PDB file of all heavy atoms in Angstrom:
ATOM      1  N   GLY A   1       1.630 -14.366  -0.820  1.00  0.00           N
ATOM      2  CA  GLY A   1       2.103 -14.658  -2.154  1.00  0.00           C
ATOM      3  C   GLY A   1       1.196 -14.379  -3.224  1.00  0.00           C
ATOM      4  O   GLY A   1       1.554 -14.024  -4.349  1.00  0.00           O
ATOM      5  N   LEU A   2      -0.116 -14.583  -2.949  1.00  0.00           N
ATOM      6  CA  LEU A   2      -1.139 -14.247  -4.019  1.00  0.00           C
ATOM      7  C   LEU A   2      -1.829 -12.881  -3.840  1.00  0.00           C
ATOM      8  O   LEU A   2      -1.882 -12.181  -4.876  1.00  0.00           O
ATOM      9  CB  LEU A   2      -2.278 -15.362  -3.941  1.00  0.00           C
ATOM     10  CG  LEU A   2      -2.007 -16.695  -4.649  1.00  0.00           C
ATOM     11  CD1 LEU A   2      -0.790 -17.444  -3.918  1.00  0.00           C
ATOM     12  CD2 LEU A   2      -3.223 -17.577  -4.549  1.00  0.00           C
ATOM     13  N   GLY A   3      -2.092 -12.513  -2.631  1.00  0.00           N
ATOM     14  CA  GLY A   3      -2.858 -11.252  -2.448  1.00  0.00           C
ATOM     15  C   GLY A   3      -2.017 -10.074  -2.624  1.00  0.00           C
ATOM     16  O   GLY A   3      -2.543  -8.972  -3.004  1.00  0.00           O
ATOM     17  N   LEU A   4      -0.747 -10.120  -2.334  1.00  0.00           N
ATOM     18  CA  LEU A   4       0.122  -8.943  -2.518  1.00  0.00           C
ATOM     19  C   LEU A   4       0.892  -8.981  -3.864  1.00  0.00           C
ATOM     20  O   LEU A   4       1.640  -8.018  -4.058  1.00  0.00           O
ATOM     21  CB  LEU A   4       1.228  -8.935  -1.358  1.00  0.00           C
ATOM     22  CG  LEU A   4       0.724  -8.734   0.102  1.00  0.00           C
ATOM     23  CD1 LEU A   4       1.823  -8.787   1.096  1.00  0.00           C
ATOM     24  CD2 LEU A   4      -0.042  -7.398   0.116  1.00  0.00           C
ATOM     25  N   ALA A   5       0.612  -9.916  -4.693  1.00  0.00           N
ATOM     26  CA  ALA A   5       1.249  -9.966  -6.047  1.00  0.00           C
ATOM     27  C   ALA A   5       0.695  -8.805  -6.829  1.00  0.00           C
ATOM     28  O   ALA A   5      -0.477  -8.457  -6.746  1.00  0.00           O
ATOM     29  CB  ALA A   5       0.964 -11.286  -6.710  1.00  0.00           C
ATOM     30  N   GLY A   6       1.480  -8.260  -7.639  1.00  0.00           N
ATOM     31  CA  GLY A   6       1.101  -7.100  -8.455  1.00  0.00           C
ATOM     32  C   GLY A   6      -0.035  -7.415  -9.332  1.00  0.00           C
ATOM     33  O   GLY A   6      -0.938  -6.642  -9.605  1.00  0.00           O
ATOM     34  N   LEU A   7      -0.040  -8.700  -9.899  1.00  0.00           N
ATOM     35  CA  LEU A   7      -1.128  -9.138 -10.756  1.00  0.00           C
ATOM     36  C   LEU A   7      -2.479  -9.065 -10.030  1.00  0.00           C
ATOM     37  O   LEU A   7      -3.460  -8.640 -10.578  1.00  0.00           O
ATOM     38  CB  LEU A   7      -0.823 -10.529 -11.195  1.00  0.00           C
ATOM     39  CG  LEU A   7      -1.540 -11.122 -12.377  1.00  0.00           C
ATOM     40  CD1 LEU A   7      -1.114 -10.405 -13.676  1.00  0.00           C
ATOM     41  CD2 LEU A   7      -1.261 -12.662 -12.495  1.00  0.00           C
ATOM     42  N   SER A   8      -2.503  -9.486  -8.806  1.00  0.00           N
ATOM     43  CA  SER A   8      -3.768  -9.567  -8.019  1.00  0.00           C
ATOM     44  C   SER A   8      -4.161  -8.130  -7.621  1.00  0.00           C
ATOM     45  O   SER A   8      -5.394  -7.830  -7.757  1.00  0.00           O
ATOM     46  CB  SER A   8      -3.564 -10.383  -6.686  1.00  0.00           C
ATOM     47  OG  SER A   8      -3.087 -11.704  -6.974  1.00  0.00           O
ATOM     48  N   VAL A   9      -3.281  -7.295  -7.179  1.00  0.00           N
ATOM     49  CA  VAL A   9      -3.695  -5.970  -6.814  1.00  0.00           C
ATOM     50  C   VAL A   9      -4.143  -5.150  -8.018  1.00  0.00           C
ATOM     51  O   VAL A   9      -5.203  -4.442  -7.928  1.00  0.00           O
ATOM     52  CB  VAL A   9      -2.465  -5.259  -6.118  1.00  0.00           C
ATOM     53  CG1 VAL A   9      -2.875  -3.801  -5.706  1.00  0.00           C
ATOM     54  CG2 VAL A   9      -2.027  -6.020  -4.866  1.00  0.00           C
ATOM     55  N   ASP A  10      -3.500  -5.314  -9.145  1.00  0.00           N
ATOM     56  CA  ASP A  10      -3.957  -4.640 -10.361  1.00  0.00           C
ATOM     57  C   ASP A  10      -5.356  -5.072 -10.772  1.00  0.00           C
ATOM     58  O   ASP A  10      -6.197  -4.310 -11.219  1.00  0.00           O
ATOM     59  CB  ASP A  10      -3.027  -4.903 -11.565  1.00  0.00           C
ATOM     60  CG  ASP A  10      -1.691  -4.152 -11.365  1.00  0.00           C
ATOM     61  OD1 ASP A  10      -1.570  -3.396 -10.513  1.00  0.00           O
ATOM     62  OD2 ASP A  10      -0.809  -4.570 -12.124  1.00  0.00           O
ATOM     63  N   TRP A  11      -5.628  -6.421 -10.588  1.00  0.00           N
ATOM     64  CA  TRP A  11      -6.988  -6.941 -10.898  1.00  0.00           C
ATOM     65  C   TRP A  11      -7.993  -6.313 -10.006  1.00  0.00           C
ATOM     66  O   TRP A  11      -9.097  -5.929 -10.434  1.00  0.00           O
ATOM     67  CB  TRP A  11      -6.936  -8.473 -10.767  1.00  0.00           C
ATOM     68  CG  TRP A  11      -8.284  -9.063 -11.156  1.00  0.00           C
ATOM     69  CD1 TRP A  11      -8.728  -9.471 -12.304  1.00  0.00           C
ATOM     70  CD2 TRP A  11      -9.415  -9.218 -10.237  1.00  0.00           C
ATOM     71  NE1 TRP A  11      -9.992  -9.943 -12.297  1.00  0.00           N
ATOM     72  CE2 TRP A  11     -10.502  -9.820 -11.001  1.00  0.00           C
ATOM     73  CE3 TRP A  11      -9.672  -9.033  -8.887  1.00  0.00           C
ATOM     74  CZ2 TRP A  11     -11.686 -10.094 -10.397  1.00  0.00           C
ATOM     75  CZ3 TRP A  11     -10.881  -9.265  -8.327  1.00  0.00           C
ATOM     76  CH2 TRP A  11     -11.896  -9.802  -9.127  1.00  0.00           C
ATOM     77  N   MET A  12      -7.693  -6.216  -8.699  1.00  0.00           N
ATOM     78  CA  MET A  12      -8.740  -5.652  -7.729  1.00  0.00           C
ATOM     79  C   MET A  12      -9.042  -4.220  -8.150  1.00  0.00           C
ATOM     80  O   MET A  12     -10.255  -3.929  -8.251  1.00  0.00           O
ATOM     81  CB  MET A  12      -8.101  -5.644  -6.352  1.00  0.00           C
ATOM     82  CG  MET A  12      -7.876  -7.010  -5.678  1.00  0.00           C
ATOM     83  SD  MET A  12      -7.142  -6.758  -4.043  1.00  0.00           S
ATOM     84  CE  MET A  12      -6.350  -8.383  -3.914  1.00  0.00           C
ATOM     85  N   PHE A  13      -8.061  -3.366  -8.463  1.00  0.00           N
ATOM     86  CA  PHE A  13      -8.425  -2.050  -8.748  1.00  0.00           C
ATOM     87  C   PHE A  13      -8.822  -1.800 -10.167  1.00  0.00           C
ATOM     88  O   PHE A  13      -9.510  -0.738 -10.431  1.00  0.00           O
ATOM     89  CB  PHE A  13      -7.123  -1.137  -8.428  1.00  0.00           C
ATOM     90  CG  PHE A  13      -6.902  -0.835  -7.068  1.00  0.00           C
ATOM     91  CD1 PHE A  13      -6.088  -1.728  -6.288  1.00  0.00           C
ATOM     92  CD2 PHE A  13      -7.475   0.202  -6.457  1.00  0.00           C
ATOM     93  CE1 PHE A  13      -5.931  -1.477  -4.892  1.00  0.00           C
ATOM     94  CE2 PHE A  13      -7.281   0.471  -5.108  1.00  0.00           C
ATOM     95  CZ  PHE A  13      -6.410  -0.403  -4.324  1.00  0.00           C
ATOM     96  N   ALA A  14      -8.718  -2.790 -11.003  1.00  0.00           N
ATOM     97  CA  ALA A  14      -9.288  -2.682 -12.381  1.00  0.00           C
ATOM     98  C   ALA A  14     -10.718  -3.125 -12.401  1.00  0.00           C
ATOM     99  O   ALA A  14     -11.534  -2.598 -13.169  1.00  0.00           O
ATOM    100  CB  ALA A  14      -8.463  -3.569 -13.356  1.00  0.00           C
ATOM    101  N   HIS A  15     -11.181  -4.053 -11.578  1.00  0.00           N
ATOM    102  CA  HIS A  15     -12.480  -4.643 -11.635  1.00  0.00           C
ATOM    103  C   HIS A  15     -13.415  -4.280 -10.486  1.00  0.00           C
ATOM    104  O   HIS A  15     -14.640  -4.542 -10.631  1.00  0.00           O
ATOM    105  CB  HIS A  15     -12.376  -6.180 -11.702  1.00  0.00           C
ATOM    106  CG  HIS A  15     -11.740  -6.692 -12.927  1.00  0.00           C
ATOM    107  ND1 HIS A  15     -10.279  -6.767 -13.182  1.00  0.00           N
ATOM    108  CD2 HIS A  15     -12.238  -7.097 -14.186  1.00  0.00           C
ATOM    109  CE1 HIS A  15     -10.065  -7.251 -14.315  1.00  0.00           C
ATOM    110  NE2 HIS A  15     -11.144  -7.361 -15.039  1.00  0.00           N
ATOM    111  N   LEU A  16     -12.905  -3.844  -9.357  1.00  0.00           N
ATOM    112  CA  LEU A  16     -13.756  -3.490  -8.289  1.00  0.00           C
ATOM    113  C   LEU A  16     -13.856  -1.939  -8.210  1.00  0.00           C
ATOM    114  O   LEU A  16     -12.909  -1.271  -7.899  1.00  0.00           O
ATOM    115  CB  LEU A  16     -13.200  -4.020  -6.953  1.00  0.00           C
ATOM    116  CG  LEU A  16     -13.031  -5.560  -6.886  1.00  0.00           C
ATOM    117  CD1 LEU A  16     -12.264  -5.987  -5.555  1.00  0.00           C
ATOM    118  CD2 LEU A  16     -14.347  -6.250  -7.038  1.00  0.00           C
ATOM    119  N   GLN A  17     -15.015  -1.433  -8.531  1.00  0.00           N
ATOM    120  CA  GLN A  17     -15.231  -0.014  -8.536  1.00  0.00           C
ATOM    121  C   GLN A  17     -16.361   0.375  -7.673  1.00  0.00           C
ATOM    122  O   GLN A  17     -17.322  -0.377  -7.448  1.00  0.00           O
ATOM    123  CB  GLN A  17     -15.461   0.461 -10.091  1.00  0.00           C
ATOM    124  CG  GLN A  17     -14.299   0.233 -10.981  1.00  0.00           C
ATOM    125  CD  GLN A  17     -13.118   1.091 -10.541  1.00  0.00           C
ATOM    126  OE1 GLN A  17     -13.214   2.247 -10.071  1.00  0.00           O
ATOM    127  NE2 GLN A  17     -11.920   0.507 -10.772  1.00  0.00           N
ATOM    128  N   PRO A  18     -16.298   1.581  -7.046  1.00  0.00           N
ATOM    129  CA  PRO A  18     -15.259   2.585  -7.192  1.00  0.00           C
ATOM    130  C   PRO A  18     -14.000   2.183  -6.392  1.00  0.00           C
ATOM    131  O   PRO A  18     -13.912   1.078  -5.849  1.00  0.00           O
ATOM    132  CB  PRO A  18     -15.915   3.849  -6.501  1.00  0.00           C
ATOM    133  CG  PRO A  18     -16.917   3.207  -5.489  1.00  0.00           C
ATOM    134  CD  PRO A  18     -17.363   1.965  -6.119  1.00  0.00           C
ATOM    135  N   VAL A  19     -12.998   3.058  -6.513  1.00  0.00           N
ATOM    136  CA  VAL A  19     -11.691   2.740  -5.948  1.00  0.00           C
ATOM    137  C   VAL A  19     -11.753   2.375  -4.500  1.00  0.00           C
ATOM    138  O   VAL A  19     -11.017   1.572  -3.996  1.00  0.00           O
ATOM    139  CB  VAL A  19     -10.735   3.921  -6.202  1.00  0.00           C
ATOM    140  CG1 VAL A  19      -9.353   3.690  -5.431  1.00  0.00           C
ATOM    141  CG2 VAL A  19     -10.470   4.059  -7.669  1.00  0.00           C
ATOM    142  N   LEU A  20     -12.674   3.052  -3.740  1.00  0.00           N
ATOM    143  CA  LEU A  20     -12.816   2.752  -2.302  1.00  0.00           C
ATOM    144  C   LEU A  20     -13.134   1.272  -2.034  1.00  0.00           C
ATOM    145  O   LEU A  20     -12.690   0.643  -1.103  1.00  0.00           O
ATOM    146  CB  LEU A  20     -13.837   3.650  -1.646  1.00  0.00           C
ATOM    147  CG  LEU A  20     -14.097   3.496  -0.183  1.00  0.00           C
ATOM    148  CD1 LEU A  20     -12.817   3.736   0.659  1.00  0.00           C
ATOM    149  CD2 LEU A  20     -15.235   4.380   0.238  1.00  0.00           C
ATOM    150  N   VAL A  21     -13.988   0.723  -2.924  1.00  0.00           N
ATOM    151  CA  VAL A  21     -14.367  -0.660  -2.785  1.00  0.00           C
ATOM    152  C   VAL A  21     -13.069  -1.600  -2.969  1.00  0.00           C
ATOM    153  O   VAL A  21     -12.893  -2.522  -2.161  1.00  0.00           O
ATOM    154  CB  VAL A  21     -15.406  -1.124  -3.780  1.00  0.00           C
ATOM    155  CG1 VAL A  21     -15.728  -2.578  -3.781  1.00  0.00           C
ATOM    156  CG2 VAL A  21     -16.768  -0.308  -3.523  1.00  0.00           C
ATOM    157  N   ALA A  22     -12.345  -1.320  -3.957  1.00  0.00           N
ATOM    158  CA  ALA A  22     -11.098  -2.101  -4.184  1.00  0.00           C
ATOM    159  C   ALA A  22     -10.146  -1.944  -3.043  1.00  0.00           C
ATOM    160  O   ALA A  22      -9.587  -2.946  -2.542  1.00  0.00           O
ATOM    161  CB  ALA A  22     -10.412  -1.615  -5.471  1.00  0.00           C
ATOM    162  N   TYR A  23      -9.961  -0.748  -2.478  1.00  0.00           N
ATOM    163  CA  TYR A  23      -9.121  -0.466  -1.366  1.00  0.00           C
ATOM    164  C   TYR A  23      -9.596  -1.299  -0.152  1.00  0.00           C
ATOM    165  O   TYR A  23      -8.749  -1.989   0.492  1.00  0.00           O
ATOM    166  CB  TYR A  23      -9.022   0.955  -1.051  1.00  0.00           C
ATOM    167  CG  TYR A  23      -8.346   1.331   0.242  1.00  0.00           C
ATOM    168  CD1 TYR A  23      -6.949   1.290   0.349  1.00  0.00           C
ATOM    169  CD2 TYR A  23      -9.093   1.575   1.399  1.00  0.00           C
ATOM    170  CE1 TYR A  23      -6.329   1.638   1.552  1.00  0.00           C
ATOM    171  CE2 TYR A  23      -8.468   1.837   2.654  1.00  0.00           C
ATOM    172  CZ  TYR A  23      -7.035   1.864   2.705  1.00  0.00           C
ATOM    173  OH  TYR A  23      -6.437   2.118   3.859  1.00  0.00           O
ATOM    174  N   LEU A  24     -10.854  -1.247   0.218  1.00  0.00           N
ATOM    175  CA  LEU A  24     -11.329  -1.940   1.346  1.00  0.00           C
ATOM    176  C   LEU A  24     -11.245  -3.461   1.176  1.00  0.00           C
ATOM    177  O   LEU A  24     -11.036  -4.210   2.100  1.00  0.00           O
ATOM    178  CB  LEU A  24     -12.829  -1.522   1.585  1.00  0.00           C
ATOM    179  CG  LEU A  24     -12.982  -0.143   2.059  1.00  0.00           C
ATOM    180  CD1 LEU A  24     -14.451   0.249   2.179  1.00  0.00           C
ATOM    181  CD2 LEU A  24     -12.264   0.136   3.363  1.00  0.00           C
ATOM    182  N   PHE A  25     -11.498  -3.929  -0.117  1.00  0.00           N
ATOM    183  CA  PHE A  25     -11.341  -5.311  -0.375  1.00  0.00           C
ATOM    184  C   PHE A  25      -9.850  -5.793  -0.133  1.00  0.00           C
ATOM    185  O   PHE A  25      -9.604  -6.897   0.422  1.00  0.00           O
ATOM    186  CB  PHE A  25     -11.737  -5.699  -1.815  1.00  0.00           C
ATOM    187  CG  PHE A  25     -11.728  -7.132  -2.191  1.00  0.00           C
ATOM    188  CD1 PHE A  25     -12.817  -7.877  -1.933  1.00  0.00           C
ATOM    189  CD2 PHE A  25     -10.635  -7.693  -2.779  1.00  0.00           C
ATOM    190  CE1 PHE A  25     -12.885  -9.236  -2.247  1.00  0.00           C
ATOM    191  CE2 PHE A  25     -10.586  -9.027  -3.083  1.00  0.00           C
ATOM    192  CZ  PHE A  25     -11.687  -9.828  -2.879  1.00  0.00           C
ATOM    193  N   PHE A  26      -8.936  -4.981  -0.595  1.00  0.00           N
ATOM    194  CA  PHE A  26      -7.520  -5.273  -0.399  1.00  0.00           C
ATOM    195  C   PHE A  26      -7.141  -5.335   1.014  1.00  0.00           C
ATOM    196  O   PHE A  26      -6.538  -6.252   1.550  1.00  0.00           O
ATOM    197  CB  PHE A  26      -6.663  -4.292  -1.184  1.00  0.00           C
ATOM    198  CG  PHE A  26      -5.245  -4.490  -0.986  1.00  0.00           C
ATOM    199  CD1 PHE A  26      -4.505  -5.473  -1.538  1.00  0.00           C
ATOM    200  CD2 PHE A  26      -4.500  -3.539  -0.222  1.00  0.00           C
ATOM    201  CE1 PHE A  26      -3.105  -5.657  -1.299  1.00  0.00           C
ATOM    202  CE2 PHE A  26      -3.165  -3.581  -0.016  1.00  0.00           C
ATOM    203  CZ  PHE A  26      -2.461  -4.733  -0.644  1.00  0.00           C
ATOM    204  N   ILE A  27      -7.603  -4.329   1.777  1.00  0.00           N
ATOM    205  CA  ILE A  27      -7.313  -4.252   3.201  1.00  0.00           C
ATOM    206  C   ILE A  27      -8.046  -5.361   3.995  1.00  0.00           C
ATOM    207  O   ILE A  27      -7.453  -6.079   4.793  1.00  0.00           O
ATOM    208  CB  ILE A  27      -7.713  -2.897   3.804  1.00  0.00           C
ATOM    209  CG1 ILE A  27      -6.926  -1.794   3.132  1.00  0.00           C
ATOM    210  CG2 ILE A  27      -7.532  -2.862   5.316  1.00  0.00           C
ATOM    211  CD1 ILE A  27      -5.385  -1.904   3.346  1.00  0.00           C
ATOM    212  N   GLY A  28      -9.335  -5.531   3.705  1.00  0.00           N
ATOM    213  CA  GLY A  28     -10.089  -6.443   4.535  1.00  0.00           C
ATOM    214  C   GLY A  28      -9.923  -7.873   4.089  1.00  0.00           C
ATOM    215  O   GLY A  28     -10.177  -8.856   4.867  1.00  0.00           O
ATOM    216  N   GLY A  29      -9.513  -8.134   2.799  1.00  0.00           N
ATOM    217  CA  GLY A  29      -9.393  -9.478   2.289  1.00  0.00           C
ATOM    218  C   GLY A  29      -7.998 -10.013   2.316  1.00  0.00           C
ATOM    219  O   GLY A  29      -7.783 -11.237   2.271  1.00  0.00           O
ATOM    220  N   VAL A  30      -7.036  -9.156   2.329  1.00  0.00           N
ATOM    221  CA  VAL A  30      -5.596  -9.592   2.259  1.00  0.00           C
ATOM    222  C   VAL A  30      -4.877  -9.138   3.502  1.00  0.00           C
ATOM    223  O   VAL A  30      -4.297  -9.969   4.245  1.00  0.00           O
ATOM    224  CB  VAL A  30      -4.951  -9.059   1.009  1.00  0.00           C
ATOM    225  CG1 VAL A  30      -3.453  -9.504   0.940  1.00  0.00           C
ATOM    226  CG2 VAL A  30      -5.659  -9.566  -0.249  1.00  0.00           C
ATOM    227  N   LEU A  31      -4.648  -7.866   3.682  1.00  0.00           N
ATOM    228  CA  LEU A  31      -3.732  -7.342   4.696  1.00  0.00           C
ATOM    229  C   LEU A  31      -4.168  -7.634   6.090  1.00  0.00           C
ATOM    230  O   LEU A  31      -3.433  -8.169   6.901  1.00  0.00           O
ATOM    231  CB  LEU A  31      -3.479  -5.833   4.538  1.00  0.00           C
ATOM    232  CG  LEU A  31      -2.449  -5.226   5.378  1.00  0.00           C
ATOM    233  CD1 LEU A  31      -1.069  -5.820   5.085  1.00  0.00           C
ATOM    234  CD2 LEU A  31      -2.362  -3.740   5.207  1.00  0.00           C
ATOM    235  N   CYS A  32      -5.428  -7.336   6.464  1.00  0.00           N
ATOM    236  CA  CYS A  32      -5.889  -7.563   7.795  1.00  0.00           C
ATOM    237  C   CYS A  32      -5.940  -9.039   8.209  1.00  0.00           C
ATOM    238  O   CYS A  32      -5.523  -9.379   9.331  1.00  0.00           O
ATOM    239  CB  CYS A  32      -7.287  -6.878   8.002  1.00  0.00           C
ATOM    240  SG  CYS A  32      -7.110  -5.109   8.142  1.00  0.00           S
ATOM    241  N   PRO A  33      -6.420  -9.968   7.372  1.00  0.00           N
ATOM    242  CA  PRO A  33      -6.374 -11.315   7.727  1.00  0.00           C
ATOM    243  C   PRO A  33      -4.986 -11.836   7.960  1.00  0.00           C
ATOM    244  O   PRO A  33      -4.693 -12.642   8.957  1.00  0.00           O
ATOM    245  CB  PRO A  33      -7.007 -12.090   6.607  1.00  0.00           C
ATOM    246  CG  PRO A  33      -7.927 -11.076   5.993  1.00  0.00           C
ATOM    247  CD  PRO A  33      -7.241  -9.750   6.189  1.00  0.00           C
ATOM    248  N   LEU A  34      -3.991 -11.368   7.175  1.00  0.00           N
ATOM    249  CA  LEU A  34      -2.635 -11.733   7.372  1.00  0.00           C
ATOM    250  C   LEU A  34      -2.109 -11.300   8.704  1.00  0.00           C
ATOM    251  O   LEU A  34      -1.447 -12.030   9.415  1.00  0.00           O
ATOM    252  CB  LEU A  34      -1.796 -11.209   6.177  1.00  0.00           C
ATOM    253  CG  LEU A  34      -0.328 -11.707   5.989  1.00  0.00           C
ATOM    254  CD1 LEU A  34       0.057 -11.592   4.492  1.00  0.00           C
ATOM    255  CD2 LEU A  34       0.618 -10.838   6.830  1.00  0.00           C
ATOM    256  N   ALA A  35      -2.434 -10.023   9.026  1.00  0.00           N
ATOM    257  CA  ALA A  35      -1.926  -9.456  10.302  1.00  0.00           C
ATOM    258  C   ALA A  35      -2.604 -10.168  11.449  1.00  0.00           C
ATOM    259  O   ALA A  35      -1.934 -10.445  12.480  1.00  0.00           O
ATOM    260  CB  ALA A  35      -2.280  -7.972  10.371  1.00  0.00           C
ATOM    261  N   TRP A  36      -3.870 -10.460  11.355  1.00  0.00           N
ATOM    262  CA  TRP A  36      -4.633 -11.191  12.396  1.00  0.00           C
ATOM    263  C   TRP A  36      -3.976 -12.573  12.695  1.00  0.00           C
ATOM    264  O   TRP A  36      -3.800 -12.940  13.861  1.00  0.00           O
ATOM    265  CB  TRP A  36      -6.061 -11.253  12.009  1.00  0.00           C
ATOM    266  CG  TRP A  36      -6.889 -12.069  13.036  1.00  0.00           C
ATOM    267  CD1 TRP A  36      -7.249 -11.568  14.274  1.00  0.00           C
ATOM    268  CD2 TRP A  36      -7.357 -13.345  12.871  1.00  0.00           C
ATOM    269  NE1 TRP A  36      -8.027 -12.549  14.933  1.00  0.00           N
ATOM    270  CE2 TRP A  36      -8.112 -13.639  14.151  1.00  0.00           C
ATOM    271  CE3 TRP A  36      -7.313 -14.356  11.958  1.00  0.00           C
ATOM    272  CZ2 TRP A  36      -8.724 -14.909  14.369  1.00  0.00           C
ATOM    273  CZ3 TRP A  36      -7.963 -15.578  12.177  1.00  0.00           C
ATOM    274  CH2 TRP A  36      -8.616 -15.841  13.331  1.00  0.00           C
ATOM    275  N   LEU A  37      -3.683 -13.305  11.603  1.00  0.00           N
ATOM    276  CA  LEU A  37      -3.106 -14.643  11.748  1.00  0.00           C
ATOM    277  C   LEU A  37      -1.681 -14.570  12.404  1.00  0.00           C
ATOM    278  O   LEU A  37      -1.369 -15.376  13.339  1.00  0.00           O
ATOM    279  CB  LEU A  37      -3.062 -15.327  10.393  1.00  0.00           C
ATOM    280  CG  LEU A  37      -4.306 -15.767   9.858  1.00  0.00           C
ATOM    281  CD1 LEU A  37      -4.239 -16.118   8.357  1.00  0.00           C
ATOM    282  CD2 LEU A  37      -4.973 -16.968  10.606  1.00  0.00           C
ATOM    283  N   LEU A  38      -0.844 -13.669  11.959  1.00  0.00           N
ATOM    284  CA  LEU A  38       0.485 -13.595  12.424  1.00  0.00           C
ATOM    285  C   LEU A  38       0.542 -13.017  13.816  1.00  0.00           C
ATOM    286  O   LEU A  38       1.441 -13.314  14.605  1.00  0.00           O
ATOM    287  CB  LEU A  38       1.382 -12.805  11.467  1.00  0.00           C
ATOM    288  CG  LEU A  38       1.570 -13.404  10.085  1.00  0.00           C
ATOM    289  CD1 LEU A  38       2.515 -12.591   9.253  1.00  0.00           C
ATOM    290  CD2 LEU A  38       2.188 -14.853  10.254  1.00  0.00           C
ATOM    291  N   GLY A  39      -0.460 -12.169  14.149  1.00  0.00           N
ATOM    292  CA  GLY A  39      -0.490 -11.551  15.501  1.00  0.00           C
ATOM    293  C   GLY A  39      -0.749 -12.577  16.600  1.00  0.00           C
ATOM    294  O   GLY A  39      -0.379 -12.358  17.725  1.00  0.00           O
ATOM    295  N   GLN A  40      -1.195 -13.770  16.220  1.00  0.00           N
ATOM    296  CA  GLN A  40      -1.474 -14.854  17.224  1.00  0.00           C
ATOM    297  C   GLN A  40      -0.213 -15.560  17.616  1.00  0.00           C
ATOM    298  O   GLN A  40      -0.181 -16.250  18.691  1.00  0.00           O
ATOM    299  CB  GLN A  40      -2.460 -15.872  16.643  1.00  0.00           C
ATOM    300  CG  GLN A  40      -3.776 -15.254  16.308  1.00  0.00           C
ATOM    301  CD  GLN A  40      -4.679 -16.365  15.661  1.00  0.00           C
ATOM    302  OE1 GLN A  40      -4.545 -17.510  15.907  1.00  0.00           O
ATOM    303  NE2 GLN A  40      -5.520 -15.896  14.754  1.00  0.00           N
TER     304      GLN A  40
END
């Protein structure tokens, strides 16, 4: 609800530079933890 919201993703890519850092933050901080929790 928070990490996949457009507001949050826009903030990540606007403030975390370079783009690779924002991408890894999004993957490592939102998508992967969500998948890990639901995979259990």
